[in-house]
């Protein structure tokens, strides 16, 4: 199979994956492409979710950074946040497609444990990894046969599909194990994202400083301009840098942190909605309610009522 795509980034479309049916952070589906067409293409696109593709049957091509990577049965391909990619199917095929928002899984209020390992990886792109791109992102069937990766993929899909109580915890564990395998594999084979010429250690340190500041001061006004000065960057450069590293704009990430903390207070305290809005850095309770409903698909009042009804006390 040979498909040369030298302009995969041209006119790439942003795909918004933040939809209610994706549970805000995770998704999984099993794709069947067997309509008999000689070549079915998915146009170049990108999103701020990490995507893991696992071949179940047949073969297809994934185009990334002006390269074509053939994915066969039993192969696994990881596509990073904001990585432009396209798919080209040359025969009937079947594959798992797992998607998750790394900010939700790794940048929680206790983010530092996982983020210090994941940040360099998430900041990497196929271009910054250089000539080792296909090796570092694609794992062949032979390499995975004696590992638990295939079972982790199937378990992720099964947990998401059945959604038994605690399925979010199971999926988080599967994701962490898959990422750990990727990171150790890359380091073992001399492909260190930590020493990649496209990823500077000072940038990682700067980002950690910003994330620390956000999580310690989200109750107060936190301005991107101040963070840019803290990093010795211009505002425009900092904005691009933050979005590339974290997969969200600065304002979206700050909003995510505040909503997460507000949700904890709604569930665990008897504070009023207006007080919770004030305690978590929202300028007005109406803005808090609007954003909470938009992102959580339920109002703060409805959530409090739901919790009180389910509480046997």
C-alpha atoms as a PDB file:
ATOM      1  CA  UNK A   1       0.000   0.000   0.000  1.00  0.00           C
ATOM      2  CA  UNK A   2       1.356   3.382  -0.901  1.00  0.00           C
ATOM      3  CA  UNK A   3      -0.441   6.629  -0.338  1.00  0.00           C
ATOM      4  CA  UNK A   4       1.607   9.817  -0.321  1.00  0.00           C
ATOM      5  CA  UNK A   5       0.027  12.730   1.502  1.00  0.00           C
ATOM      6  CA  UNK A   6       2.423  15.648   1.529  1.00  0.00           C
ATOM      7  CA  UNK A   7      -0.098  18.207   2.717  1.00  0.00           C
ATOM      8  CA  UNK A   8      -1.981  16.515   5.524  1.00  0.00           C
ATOM      9  CA  UNK A   9      -2.038  19.775   7.494  1.00  0.00           C
ATOM     10  CA  UNK A  10      -3.672  21.783   4.686  1.00  0.00           C
ATOM     11  CA  UNK A  11      -7.216  22.843   5.570  1.00  0.00           C
ATOM     12  CA  UNK A  12      -7.314  20.492   8.559  1.00  0.00           C
ATOM     13  CA  UNK A  13     -10.573  20.809  10.491  1.00  0.00           C
ATOM     14  CA  UNK A  14     -10.875  21.068  14.265  1.00  0.00           C
ATOM     15  CA  UNK A  15     -13.119  18.282  15.536  1.00  0.00           C
ATOM     16  CA  UNK A  16     -14.979  19.241  18.702  1.00  0.00           C
ATOM     17  CA  UNK A  17     -15.179  16.108  20.830  1.00  0.00           C
ATOM     18  CA  UNK A  18     -16.597  17.833  23.918  1.00  0.00           C
ATOM     19  CA  UNK A  19     -20.132  16.528  23.539  1.00  0.00           C
ATOM     20  CA  UNK A  20     -22.523  15.079  26.138  1.00  0.00           C
ATOM     21  CA  UNK A  21     -22.398  11.503  24.822  1.00  0.00           C
ATOM     22  CA  UNK A  22     -18.624  11.488  25.313  1.00  0.00           C
ATOM     23  CA  UNK A  23     -19.067  11.768  29.088  1.00  0.00           C
ATOM     24  CA  UNK A  24     -17.013  15.010  29.037  1.00  0.00           C
ATOM     25  CA  UNK A  25     -13.708  13.157  29.029  1.00  0.00           C
ATOM     26  CA  UNK A  26     -13.821   9.689  27.503  1.00  0.00           C
ATOM     27  CA  UNK A  27     -15.167   7.795  24.543  1.00  0.00           C
ATOM     28  CA  UNK A  28     -14.756   4.469  22.823  1.00  0.00           C
ATOM     29  CA  UNK A  29     -16.162   2.922  19.708  1.00  0.00           C
ATOM     30  CA  UNK A  30     -15.570  -0.090  17.504  1.00  0.00           C
ATOM     31  CA  UNK A  31     -15.475   0.985  13.860  1.00  0.00           C
ATOM     32  CA  UNK A  32     -16.543  -1.305  11.022  1.00  0.00           C
ATOM     33  CA  UNK A  33     -15.537  -0.165   7.536  1.00  0.00           C
ATOM     34  CA  UNK A  34     -16.599  -2.873   5.113  1.00  0.00           C
ATOM     35  CA  UNK A  35     -18.766  -1.085   2.569  1.00  0.00           C
ATOM     36  CA  UNK A  36     -16.727  -2.492  -0.306  1.00  0.00           C
ATOM     37  CA  UNK A  37     -15.436   0.849  -1.530  1.00  0.00           C
ATOM     38  CA  UNK A  38     -11.854   0.690  -2.888  1.00  0.00           C
ATOM     39  CA  UNK A  39     -10.672   3.545  -0.657  1.00  0.00           C
ATOM     40  CA  UNK A  40     -12.522   5.362   2.062  1.00  0.00           C
ATOM     41  CA  UNK A  41     -10.908   8.478   3.481  1.00  0.00           C
ATOM     42  CA  UNK A  42     -11.365  10.510   6.641  1.00  0.00           C
ATOM     43  CA  UNK A  43     -10.166  14.040   5.866  1.00  0.00           C
ATOM     44  CA  UNK A  44      -7.320  15.711   7.810  1.00  0.00           C
ATOM     45  CA  UNK A  45      -8.511  16.854  11.212  1.00  0.00           C
ATOM     46  CA  UNK A  46      -7.303  17.385  14.776  1.00  0.00           C
ATOM     47  CA  UNK A  47      -8.751  17.572  18.270  1.00  0.00           C
ATOM     48  CA  UNK A  48      -7.653  18.142  21.859  1.00  0.00           C
ATOM     49  CA  UNK A  49      -8.285  14.532  22.854  1.00  0.00           C
ATOM     50  CA  UNK A  50      -5.655  11.798  22.774  1.00  0.00           C
ATOM     51  CA  UNK A  51      -6.705   9.034  20.383  1.00  0.00           C
ATOM     52  CA  UNK A  52      -5.622   5.391  20.509  1.00  0.00           C
ATOM     53  CA  UNK A  53      -6.316   3.230  17.464  1.00  0.00           C
ATOM     54  CA  UNK A  54      -6.105  -0.574  17.749  1.00  0.00           C
ATOM     55  CA  UNK A  55      -6.506  -2.735  14.637  1.00  0.00           C
ATOM     56  CA  UNK A  56      -8.901  -5.664  14.982  1.00  0.00           C
ATOM     57  CA  UNK A  57      -9.249  -6.761  11.356  1.00  0.00           C
ATOM     58  CA  UNK A  58      -7.889  -5.638   7.996  1.00  0.00           C
ATOM     59  CA  UNK A  59      -5.512  -2.730   7.425  1.00  0.00           C
ATOM     60  CA  UNK A  60      -5.567   1.005   6.752  1.00  0.00           C
ATOM     61  CA  UNK A  61      -3.221   3.973   6.505  1.00  0.00           C
ATOM     62  CA  UNK A  62      -2.917   6.880   8.932  1.00  0.00           C
ATOM     63  CA  UNK A  63      -1.288  10.040   7.589  1.00  0.00           C
ATOM     64  CA  UNK A  64       0.544  12.180  10.145  1.00  0.00           C
ATOM     65  CA  UNK A  65       3.204  14.871   9.659  1.00  0.00           C
ATOM     66  CA  UNK A  66       3.586  14.085   5.958  1.00  0.00           C
ATOM     67  CA  UNK A  67       4.064  10.381   6.676  1.00  0.00           C
ATOM     68  CA  UNK A  68       1.867   7.375   5.991  1.00  0.00           C
ATOM     69  CA  UNK A  69       1.751   4.762   8.737  1.00  0.00           C
ATOM     70  CA  UNK A  70       0.162   1.430   7.899  1.00  0.00           C
ATOM     71  CA  UNK A  71      -1.926  -0.024  10.718  1.00  0.00           C
ATOM     72  CA  UNK A  72      -2.674  -3.737  10.615  1.00  0.00           C
ATOM     73  CA  UNK A  73      -4.563  -6.197  12.773  1.00  0.00           C
ATOM     74  CA  UNK A  74      -3.087  -6.182  16.290  1.00  0.00           C
ATOM     75  CA  UNK A  75      -1.192  -2.879  15.829  1.00  0.00           C
ATOM     76  CA  UNK A  76      -1.717   0.125  18.115  1.00  0.00           C
ATOM     77  CA  UNK A  77      -1.280   3.759  17.112  1.00  0.00           C
ATOM     78  CA  UNK A  78      -1.328   6.693  19.532  1.00  0.00           C
ATOM     79  CA  UNK A  79      -2.316  10.104  18.150  1.00  0.00           C
ATOM     80  CA  UNK A  80      -1.478  13.030  20.394  1.00  0.00           C
ATOM     81  CA  UNK A  81      -3.515  16.138  21.189  1.00  0.00           C
ATOM     82  CA  UNK A  82      -3.702  18.681  18.349  1.00  0.00           C
ATOM     83  CA  UNK A  83      -1.932  16.257  15.997  1.00  0.00           C
ATOM     84  CA  UNK A  84      -3.282  16.600  12.467  1.00  0.00           C
ATOM     85  CA  UNK A  85      -4.128  13.184  11.036  1.00  0.00           C
ATOM     86  CA  UNK A  86      -6.156  11.522   8.305  1.00  0.00           C
ATOM     87  CA  UNK A  87      -7.211   7.917   7.640  1.00  0.00           C
ATOM     88  CA  UNK A  88      -7.283   5.995   4.372  1.00  0.00           C
ATOM     89  CA  UNK A  89      -8.993   2.598   4.260  1.00  0.00           C
ATOM     90  CA  UNK A  90      -7.974   0.301   1.431  1.00  0.00           C
ATOM     91  CA  UNK A  91      -9.906  -2.808   2.416  1.00  0.00           C
ATOM     92  CA  UNK A  92     -12.656  -3.814   4.840  1.00  0.00           C
ATOM     93  CA  UNK A  93     -11.330  -3.246   8.331  1.00  0.00           C
ATOM     94  CA  UNK A  94     -12.339  -3.059  11.957  1.00  0.00           C
ATOM     95  CA  UNK A  95     -10.637  -1.156  14.754  1.00  0.00           C
ATOM     96  CA  UNK A  96     -11.104   0.223  18.246  1.00  0.00           C
ATOM     97  CA  UNK A  97     -10.952   3.997  18.579  1.00  0.00           C
ATOM     98  CA  UNK A  98     -10.387   5.186  22.141  1.00  0.00           C
ATOM     99  CA  UNK A  99     -10.442   8.903  22.916  1.00  0.00           C
ATOM    100  CA  UNK A 100      -9.864  10.774  26.147  1.00  0.00           C
ATOM    101  CA  UNK A 101      -9.170  14.287  27.378  1.00  0.00           C
ATOM    102  CA  UNK A 102      -5.772  14.266  29.136  1.00  0.00           C
ATOM    103  CA  UNK A 103      -6.586  17.406  31.120  1.00  0.00           C
ATOM    104  CA  UNK A 104      -9.401  15.588  32.896  1.00  0.00           C
ATOM    105  CA  UNK A 105      -7.356  12.465  33.612  1.00  0.00           C
ATOM    106  CA  UNK A 106      -3.957  13.877  34.478  1.00  0.00           C
ATOM    107  CA  UNK A 107      -4.379  17.514  35.523  1.00  0.00           C
ATOM    108  CA  UNK A 108      -6.650  17.222  38.535  1.00  0.00           C
ATOM    109  CA  UNK A 109      -6.150  19.057  41.822  1.00  0.00           C
ATOM    110  CA  UNK A 110      -3.514  16.421  42.602  1.00  0.00           C
ATOM    111  CA  UNK A 111      -2.149  16.604  39.079  1.00  0.00           C
ATOM    112  CA  UNK A 112       1.549  16.746  39.878  1.00  0.00           C
ATOM    113  CA  UNK A 113       1.968  12.990  40.388  1.00  0.00           C
ATOM    114  CA  UNK A 114       0.963  12.097  36.850  1.00  0.00           C
ATOM    115  CA  UNK A 115       1.558  15.355  35.040  1.00  0.00           C
ATOM    116  CA  UNK A 116       5.313  15.396  35.614  1.00  0.00           C
ATOM    117  CA  UNK A 117       5.531  12.193  33.550  1.00  0.00           C
ATOM    118  CA  UNK A 118       2.854  13.017  30.999  1.00  0.00           C
ATOM    119  CA  UNK A 119       3.605  16.653  30.216  1.00  0.00           C
ATOM    120  CA  UNK A 120       6.656  15.991  28.017  1.00  0.00           C
ATOM    121  CA  UNK A 121       4.777  13.269  26.181  1.00  0.00           C
ATOM    122  CA  UNK A 122       1.726  15.441  25.583  1.00  0.00           C
ATOM    123  CA  UNK A 123       3.929  18.302  24.443  1.00  0.00           C
ATOM    124  CA  UNK A 124       5.590  16.059  21.867  1.00  0.00           C
ATOM    125  CA  UNK A 125       4.401  15.889  18.281  1.00  0.00           C
ATOM    126  CA  UNK A 126       5.286  13.650  15.381  1.00  0.00           C
ATOM    127  CA  UNK A 127       7.519  16.459  14.115  1.00  0.00           C
ATOM    128  CA  UNK A 128       9.369  16.983  17.391  1.00  0.00           C
ATOM    129  CA  UNK A 129      10.053  13.247  17.653  1.00  0.00           C
ATOM    130  CA  UNK A 130      11.855  13.404  14.324  1.00  0.00           C
ATOM    131  CA  UNK A 131      12.891  10.351  12.332  1.00  0.00           C
ATOM    132  CA  UNK A 132      11.654   7.935  15.007  1.00  0.00           C
ATOM    133  CA  UNK A 133       8.035   8.993  14.533  1.00  0.00           C
ATOM    134  CA  UNK A 134       6.539   5.751  13.249  1.00  0.00           C
ATOM    135  CA  UNK A 135       8.424   3.686  15.818  1.00  0.00           C
ATOM    136  CA  UNK A 136       7.502   5.868  18.758  1.00  0.00           C
ATOM    137  CA  UNK A 137       3.807   6.204  17.973  1.00  0.00           C
ATOM    138  CA  UNK A 138       3.061   2.868  16.337  1.00  0.00           C
ATOM    139  CA  UNK A 139       3.403  -0.435  18.184  1.00  0.00           C
ATOM    140  CA  UNK A 140       3.288  -3.554  16.028  1.00  0.00           C
ATOM    141  CA  UNK A 141       1.369  -6.732  16.836  1.00  0.00           C
ATOM    142  CA  UNK A 142       4.567  -8.715  17.450  1.00  0.00           C
ATOM    143  CA  UNK A 143       5.613  -6.200  20.084  1.00  0.00           C
ATOM    144  CA  UNK A 144       2.269  -6.315  21.894  1.00  0.00           C
ATOM    145  CA  UNK A 145       1.587 -10.057  21.859  1.00  0.00           C
ATOM    146  CA  UNK A 146       3.359 -10.767  25.160  1.00  0.00           C
ATOM    147  CA  UNK A 147       2.040  -7.678  26.931  1.00  0.00           C
ATOM    148  CA  UNK A 148      -1.278  -6.823  28.573  1.00  0.00           C
ATOM    149  CA  UNK A 149      -1.903  -3.948  26.146  1.00  0.00           C
ATOM    150  CA  UNK A 150      -4.475  -5.759  23.934  1.00  0.00           C
ATOM    151  CA  UNK A 151      -6.465  -6.702  27.033  1.00  0.00           C
ATOM    152  CA  UNK A 152      -6.263  -3.131  28.370  1.00  0.00           C
ATOM    153  CA  UNK A 153      -7.675  -1.880  25.055  1.00  0.00           C
ATOM    154  CA  UNK A 154     -10.535  -4.375  25.170  1.00  0.00           C
ATOM    155  CA  UNK A 155     -11.182  -3.655  28.838  1.00  0.00           C
ATOM    156  CA  UNK A 156     -11.324   0.102  28.169  1.00  0.00           C
ATOM    157  CA  UNK A 157     -13.913  -0.460  25.440  1.00  0.00           C
ATOM    158  CA  UNK A 158     -15.897  -2.945  27.531  1.00  0.00           C
ATOM    159  CA  UNK A 159     -15.981  -0.658  30.571  1.00  0.00           C
ATOM    160  CA  UNK A 160     -17.062   2.350  28.510  1.00  0.00           C
ATOM    161  CA  UNK A 161     -19.733   0.358  26.686  1.00  0.00           C
ATOM    162  CA  UNK A 162     -21.254  -1.352  29.745  1.00  0.00           C
ATOM    163  CA  UNK A 163     -20.712   1.580  32.167  1.00  0.00           C
ATOM    164  CA  UNK A 164     -20.996  -0.466  35.329  1.00  0.00           C
ATOM    165  CA  UNK A 165     -20.537   1.430  38.629  1.00  0.00           C
ATOM    166  CA  UNK A 166     -16.950   2.655  38.886  1.00  0.00           C
ATOM    167  CA  UNK A 167     -16.238   2.325  35.168  1.00  0.00           C
ATOM    168  CA  UNK A 168     -14.489   5.711  35.177  1.00  0.00           C
ATOM    169  CA  UNK A 169     -11.915   4.383  37.642  1.00  0.00           C
ATOM    170  CA  UNK A 170     -11.350   1.295  35.510  1.00  0.00           C
ATOM    171  CA  UNK A 171     -10.850   3.390  32.383  1.00  0.00           C
ATOM    172  CA  UNK A 172      -8.452   5.738  34.182  1.00  0.00           C
ATOM    173  CA  UNK A 173      -6.383   2.721  35.273  1.00  0.00           C
ATOM    174  CA  UNK A 174      -6.324   1.342  31.714  1.00  0.00           C
ATOM    175  CA  UNK A 175      -5.196   4.684  30.284  1.00  0.00           C
ATOM    176  CA  UNK A 176      -2.424   5.061  32.847  1.00  0.00           C
ATOM    177  CA  UNK A 177      -1.107   1.550  32.153  1.00  0.00           C
ATOM    178  CA  UNK A 178      -1.102   2.143  28.385  1.00  0.00           C
ATOM    179  CA  UNK A 179       0.743   5.455  28.774  1.00  0.00           C
ATOM    180  CA  UNK A 180       3.231   3.898  31.156  1.00  0.00           C
ATOM    181  CA  UNK A 181       3.973   1.171  28.614  1.00  0.00           C
ATOM    182  CA  UNK A 182       4.521   3.761  25.863  1.00  0.00           C
ATOM    183  CA  UNK A 183       6.833   5.905  27.977  1.00  0.00           C
ATOM    184  CA  UNK A 184       8.979   2.970  29.157  1.00  0.00           C
ATOM    185  CA  UNK A 185       9.121   1.536  25.643  1.00  0.00           C
ATOM    186  CA  UNK A 186      10.332   4.815  24.199  1.00  0.00           C
ATOM    187  CA  UNK A 187      12.946   5.346  26.892  1.00  0.00           C
ATOM    188  CA  UNK A 188      14.188   1.749  26.578  1.00  0.00           C
ATOM    189  CA  UNK A 189      14.737   2.237  22.859  1.00  0.00           C
ATOM    190  CA  UNK A 190      16.526   5.557  23.161  1.00  0.00           C
ATOM    191  CA  UNK A 191      13.598   7.753  22.163  1.00  0.00           C
ATOM    192  CA  UNK A 192      13.370  10.132  25.080  1.00  0.00           C
ATOM    193  CA  UNK A 193      10.685  12.785  24.825  1.00  0.00           C
ATOM    194  CA  UNK A 194      12.423  14.459  27.749  1.00  0.00           C
ATOM    195  CA  UNK A 195      15.521  15.127  25.650  1.00  0.00           C
ATOM    196  CA  UNK A 196      13.775  15.757  22.337  1.00  0.00           C
ATOM    197  CA  UNK A 197      15.094  18.874  20.588  1.00  0.00           C
ATOM    198  CA  UNK A 198      11.484  19.976  20.159  1.00  0.00           C
ATOM    199  CA  UNK A 199      10.780  19.940  23.910  1.00  0.00           C
ATOM    200  CA  UNK A 200      12.811  22.138  26.236  1.00  0.00           C
ATOM    201  CA  UNK A 201      13.158  21.311  29.904  1.00  0.00           C
ATOM    202  CA  UNK A 202      12.662  24.955  30.812  1.00  0.00           C
ATOM    203  CA  UNK A 203       9.292  24.893  29.032  1.00  0.00           C
ATOM    204  CA  UNK A 204       8.183  21.924  31.123  1.00  0.00           C
ATOM    205  CA  UNK A 205       9.325  23.702  34.291  1.00  0.00           C
ATOM    206  CA  UNK A 206       7.478  26.861  33.266  1.00  0.00           C
ATOM    207  CA  UNK A 207       4.277  24.966  32.600  1.00  0.00           C
ATOM    208  CA  UNK A 208       4.487  23.155  35.922  1.00  0.00           C
ATOM    209  CA  UNK A 209       4.862  26.539  37.635  1.00  0.00           C
ATOM    210  CA  UNK A 210       1.747  27.845  35.881  1.00  0.00           C
ATOM    211  CA  UNK A 211      -0.293  24.751  36.734  1.00  0.00           C
ATOM    212  CA  UNK A 212       0.823  24.951  40.364  1.00  0.00           C
ATOM    213  CA  UNK A 213      -0.233  28.598  40.491  1.00  0.00           C
ATOM    214  CA  UNK A 214      -3.656  27.884  38.973  1.00  0.00           C
ATOM    215  CA  UNK A 215      -4.448  25.082  41.406  1.00  0.00           C
ATOM    216  CA  UNK A 216      -3.333  27.165  44.390  1.00  0.00           C
ATOM    217  CA  UNK A 217      -5.056  30.418  43.359  1.00  0.00           C
ATOM    218  CA  UNK A 218      -8.130  29.506  41.294  1.00  0.00           C
ATOM    219  CA  UNK A 219     -10.316  31.230  43.940  1.00  0.00           C
ATOM    220  CA  UNK A 220      -8.748  34.557  42.949  1.00  0.00           C
ATOM    221  CA  UNK A 221      -8.541  36.337  39.579  1.00  0.00           C
ATOM    222  CA  UNK A 222      -5.909  34.492  37.522  1.00  0.00           C
ATOM    223  CA  UNK A 223      -4.885  36.372  34.396  1.00  0.00           C
ATOM    224  CA  UNK A 224      -3.116  34.901  31.392  1.00  0.00           C
ATOM    225  CA  UNK A 225      -1.097  38.112  31.121  1.00  0.00           C
ATOM    226  CA  UNK A 226       0.341  37.528  34.597  1.00  0.00           C
ATOM    227  CA  UNK A 227       1.152  33.907  33.760  1.00  0.00           C
ATOM    228  CA  UNK A 228       2.886  35.023  30.569  1.00  0.00           C
ATOM    229  CA  UNK A 229       5.098  37.395  32.560  1.00  0.00           C
ATOM    230  CA  UNK A 230       5.811  34.629  35.065  1.00  0.00           C
ATOM    231  CA  UNK A 231       7.090  32.524  32.173  1.00  0.00           C
ATOM    232  CA  UNK A 232       8.978  35.426  30.562  1.00  0.00           C
ATOM    233  CA  UNK A 233       6.849  35.100  27.447  1.00  0.00           C
ATOM    234  CA  UNK A 234       4.734  37.474  25.433  1.00  0.00           C
ATOM    235  CA  UNK A 235       0.980  37.043  25.879  1.00  0.00           C
ATOM    236  CA  UNK A 236       0.459  35.686  22.365  1.00  0.00           C
ATOM    237  CA  UNK A 237       3.365  33.235  22.620  1.00  0.00           C
ATOM    238  CA  UNK A 238       2.214  32.044  26.056  1.00  0.00           C
ATOM    239  CA  UNK A 239      -1.305  31.459  24.741  1.00  0.00           C
ATOM    240  CA  UNK A 240      -0.018  29.277  21.896  1.00  0.00           C
ATOM    241  CA  UNK A 241       2.436  27.523  24.201  1.00  0.00           C
ATOM    242  CA  UNK A 242      -0.215  26.665  26.805  1.00  0.00           C
ATOM    243  CA  UNK A 243      -2.723  25.357  24.271  1.00  0.00           C
ATOM    244  CA  UNK A 244      -0.093  23.226  22.573  1.00  0.00           C
ATOM    245  CA  UNK A 245       1.128  21.763  25.869  1.00  0.00           C
ATOM    246  CA  UNK A 246      -2.161  21.157  27.647  1.00  0.00           C
ATOM    247  CA  UNK A 247      -4.588  20.794  24.744  1.00  0.00           C
ATOM    248  CA  UNK A 248      -6.849  23.596  26.007  1.00  0.00           C
ATOM    249  CA  UNK A 249      -6.742  27.348  26.026  1.00  0.00           C
ATOM    250  CA  UNK A 250      -5.653  28.963  29.290  1.00  0.00           C
ATOM    251  CA  UNK A 251      -9.160  30.281  29.988  1.00  0.00           C
ATOM    252  CA  UNK A 252     -10.766  26.889  29.262  1.00  0.00           C
ATOM    253  CA  UNK A 253      -8.364  25.130  31.592  1.00  0.00           C
ATOM    254  CA  UNK A 254      -8.903  27.656  34.382  1.00  0.00           C
ATOM    255  CA  UNK A 255     -12.652  27.225  33.935  1.00  0.00           C
ATOM    256  CA  UNK A 256     -12.248  23.440  34.103  1.00  0.00           C
ATOM    257  CA  UNK A 257     -10.349  23.697  37.412  1.00  0.00           C
ATOM    258  CA  UNK A 258     -12.957  26.034  38.932  1.00  0.00           C
ATOM    259  CA  UNK A 259     -15.889  23.878  37.827  1.00  0.00           C
ATOM    260  CA  UNK A 260     -14.203  20.771  39.203  1.00  0.00           C
ATOM    261  CA  UNK A 261     -13.659  22.394  42.594  1.00  0.00           C
ATOM    262  CA  UNK A 262     -17.197  23.804  42.576  1.00  0.00           C
ATOM    263  CA  UNK A 263     -18.618  20.368  41.858  1.00  0.00           C
ATOM    264  CA  UNK A 264     -16.787  18.975  44.901  1.00  0.00           C
ATOM    265  CA  UNK A 265     -18.330  21.666  47.098  1.00  0.00           C
ATOM    266  CA  UNK A 266     -21.810  21.066  45.678  1.00  0.00           C
ATOM    267  CA  UNK A 267     -21.541  17.388  46.554  1.00  0.00           C
ATOM    268  CA  UNK A 268     -19.807  17.585  49.930  1.00  0.00           C
ATOM    269  CA  UNK A 269     -21.050  20.804  51.582  1.00  0.00           C
ATOM    270  CA  UNK A 270     -24.298  22.620  52.365  1.00  0.00           C
ATOM    271  CA  UNK A 271     -23.004  25.934  51.028  1.00  0.00           C
ATOM    272  CA  UNK A 272     -25.317  27.976  48.828  1.00  0.00           C
ATOM    273  CA  UNK A 273     -24.734  28.084  45.088  1.00  0.00           C
ATOM    274  CA  UNK A 274     -23.816  31.775  45.236  1.00  0.00           C
ATOM    275  CA  UNK A 275     -21.260  31.102  47.984  1.00  0.00           C
ATOM    276  CA  UNK A 276     -19.734  28.201  46.042  1.00  0.00           C
ATOM    277  CA  UNK A 277     -19.464  30.428  42.967  1.00  0.00           C
ATOM    278  CA  UNK A 278     -17.647  33.041  45.041  1.00  0.00           C
ATOM    279  CA  UNK A 279     -15.380  30.450  46.699  1.00  0.00           C
ATOM    280  CA  UNK A 280     -14.240  29.023  43.378  1.00  0.00           C
ATOM    281  CA  UNK A 281     -13.381  32.257  41.610  1.00  0.00           C
ATOM    282  CA  UNK A 282     -16.483  32.987  39.539  1.00  0.00           C
ATOM    283  CA  UNK A 283     -17.336  36.653  39.140  1.00  0.00           C
ATOM    284  CA  UNK A 284     -21.094  36.065  39.419  1.00  0.00           C
ATOM    285  CA  UNK A 285     -23.324  33.168  40.370  1.00  0.00           C
ATOM    286  CA  UNK A 286     -25.228  33.497  37.078  1.00  0.00           C
ATOM    287  CA  UNK A 287     -22.023  33.008  35.079  1.00  0.00           C
ATOM    288  CA  UNK A 288     -21.161  30.003  37.253  1.00  0.00           C
ATOM    289  CA  UNK A 289     -24.587  28.443  36.685  1.00  0.00           C
ATOM    290  CA  UNK A 290     -24.400  29.031  32.929  1.00  0.00           C
ATOM    291  CA  UNK A 291     -20.943  27.494  32.583  1.00  0.00           C
ATOM    292  CA  UNK A 292     -21.720  24.587  34.911  1.00  0.00           C
ATOM    293  CA  UNK A 293     -24.807  23.642  32.924  1.00  0.00           C
ATOM    294  CA  UNK A 294     -22.936  24.010  29.637  1.00  0.00           C
ATOM    295  CA  UNK A 295     -20.078  21.725  30.725  1.00  0.00           C
ATOM    296  CA  UNK A 296     -21.853  19.321  33.111  1.00  0.00           C
ATOM    297  CA  UNK A 297     -25.248  19.235  31.350  1.00  0.00           C
ATOM    298  CA  UNK A 298     -27.028  19.757  34.657  1.00  0.00           C
ATOM    299  CA  UNK A 299     -27.510  22.881  36.779  1.00  0.00           C
ATOM    300  CA  UNK A 300     -25.796  23.232  40.183  1.00  0.00           C
ATOM    301  CA  UNK A 301     -29.237  23.207  41.836  1.00  0.00           C
ATOM    302  CA  UNK A 302     -30.237  20.009  40.039  1.00  0.00           C
ATOM    303  CA  UNK A 303     -26.992  18.358  41.117  1.00  0.00           C
ATOM    304  CA  UNK A 304     -27.583  19.326  44.762  1.00  0.00           C
ATOM    305  CA  UNK A 305     -31.132  18.000  44.562  1.00  0.00           C
ATOM    306  CA  UNK A 306     -29.909  14.786  42.967  1.00  0.00           C
ATOM    307  CA  UNK A 307     -27.385  14.245  45.753  1.00  0.00           C
ATOM    308  CA  UNK A 308     -29.904  15.004  48.500  1.00  0.00           C
ATOM    309  CA  UNK A 309     -32.427  12.549  47.039  1.00  0.00           C
ATOM    310  CA  UNK A 310     -29.829   9.780  46.822  1.00  0.00           C
ATOM    311  CA  UNK A 311     -28.612  10.418  50.396  1.00  0.00           C
ATOM    312  CA  UNK A 312     -30.351   7.944  52.732  1.00  0.00           C
ATOM    313  CA  UNK A 313     -29.787  10.276  55.667  1.00  0.00           C
END
